[in-house]
C-alpha atoms as a PDB file:
ATOM      1  CA  MET A   1      37.879  13.075 -22.617  1.00  0.00           C
ATOM      2  CA  ILE A   2      39.871  16.018 -21.701  1.00  0.00           C
ATOM      3  CA  ALA A   3      38.340  15.956 -18.260  1.00  0.00           C
ATOM      4  CA  ALA A   4      39.468  12.149 -17.869  1.00  0.00           C
ATOM      5  CA  HIS A   5      42.975  13.097 -18.929  1.00  0.00           C
ATOM      6  CA  ALA A   6      43.341  16.002 -16.717  1.00  0.00           C
ATOM      7  CA  GLY A   7      42.131  14.140 -14.000  1.00  0.00           C
ATOM      8  CA  LEU A   8      44.751  11.640 -14.382  1.00  0.00           C
ATOM      9  CA  VAL A   9      47.542  14.028 -14.624  1.00  0.00           C
ATOM     10  CA  GLY A  10      45.947  16.497 -12.199  1.00  0.00           C
ATOM     11  CA  GLY A  11      45.508  13.706  -9.735  1.00  0.00           C
ATOM     12  CA  TYR A  12      49.203  12.502 -10.004  1.00  0.00           C
ATOM     13  CA  GLY A  13      50.357  15.800  -9.594  1.00  0.00           C
ATOM     14  CA  VAL A  14      48.402  16.771  -6.749  1.00  0.00           C
ATOM     15  CA  ALA A  15      49.399  13.559  -4.997  1.00  0.00           C
ATOM     16  CA  ARG A  16      52.980  14.197  -5.548  1.00  0.00           C
ATOM     17  CA  TRP A  17      52.938  17.986  -4.892  1.00  0.00           C
ATOM     18  CA  THR A  18      51.075  17.349  -1.441  1.00  0.00           C
ATOM     19  CA  ARG A  19      52.515  13.976  -0.445  1.00  0.00           C
ATOM     20  CA  LYS A  20      48.673  12.970  -0.009  1.00  0.00           C
ATOM     21  CA  ARG A  21      47.947  10.138  -2.310  1.00  0.00           C
ATOM     22  CA  GLN A  22      44.247  10.557  -0.742  1.00  0.00           C
ATOM     23  CA  LEU A  23      44.094  13.995  -2.291  1.00  0.00           C
ATOM     24  CA  GLY A  24      45.399  12.795  -5.321  1.00  0.00           C
ATOM     25  CA  GLY A  25      42.578  10.176  -5.431  1.00  0.00           C
ATOM     26  CA  VAL A  26      39.988  13.148  -4.774  1.00  0.00           C
ATOM     27  CA  VAL A  27      40.999  14.930  -7.770  1.00  0.00           C
ATOM     28  CA  LEU A  28      40.773  11.714  -9.798  1.00  0.00           C
ATOM     29  CA  ALA A  29      37.315  11.019  -8.549  1.00  0.00           C
ATOM     30  CA  ALA A  30      36.141  14.496  -9.296  1.00  0.00           C
ATOM     31  CA  ALA A  31      37.247  14.460 -12.723  1.00  0.00           C
ATOM     32  CA  GLY A  32      35.785  10.692 -13.329  1.00  0.00           C
ATOM     33  CA  ALA A  33      32.547  12.220 -12.028  1.00  0.00           C
ATOM     34  CA  LEU A  34      32.546  15.276 -14.464  1.00  0.00           C
ATOM     35  CA  THR A  35      33.452  12.773 -17.333  1.00  0.00           C
ATOM     36  CA  VAL A  36      30.494  10.754 -16.556  1.00  0.00           C
ATOM     37  CA  ALA A  37      28.325  13.509 -16.467  1.00  0.00           C
ATOM     38  CA  TYR A  38      29.599  14.927 -19.684  1.00  0.00           C
ATOM     39  CA  VAL A  39      29.027  11.365 -21.225  1.00  0.00           C
ATOM     40  CA  ALA A  40      25.391  11.344 -19.767  1.00  0.00           C
ATOM     41  CA  SER A  41      24.550  14.679 -21.347  1.00  0.00           C
ATOM     42  CA  ALA A  42      25.877  13.779 -24.541  1.00  0.00           C
ATOM     43  CA  VAL A  43      23.738  10.528 -24.784  1.00  0.00           C
ATOM     44  CA  ALA A  44      20.656  12.403 -23.631  1.00  0.00           C
ATOM     45  CA  LEU A  45      21.259  14.963 -26.343  1.00  0.00           C
ATOM     46  CA  ALA A  46      21.974  12.335 -29.052  1.00  0.00           C
ATOM     47  CA  SER A  47      18.678  10.471 -28.024  1.00  0.00           C
ATOM     48  CA  TRP A  48      17.027  13.442 -27.912  1.00  0.00           C
ATOM     49  CA  ALA A  49      18.123  14.306 -31.468  1.00  0.00           C
ATOM     50  CA  VAL A  50      17.150  10.990 -32.935  1.00  0.00           C
ATOM     51  CA  ALA A  51      13.717  10.611 -31.030  1.00  0.00           C
ATOM     52  CA  ASP A  52      10.360  10.521 -33.039  1.00  0.00           C
ATOM     53  CA  ARG A  53       8.575  13.574 -31.729  1.00  0.00           C
ATOM     54  CA  ARG A  54       5.308  13.375 -33.924  1.00  0.00           C
ATOM     55  CA  ALA A  55       3.533  11.408 -31.572  1.00  0.00           C
END
């Protein structure tokens, strides 16, 4: 969740600082990809933790 918040704030900051909205979008997209990867790994870990491995 921190990556998503940092992406919003960072993307806004980069867009304002550089005056290039597209660059702010790149920062936001990168943070979004990081957040998706984090959530996917958390789901995979939770799935592994509850899996029946006796079979």
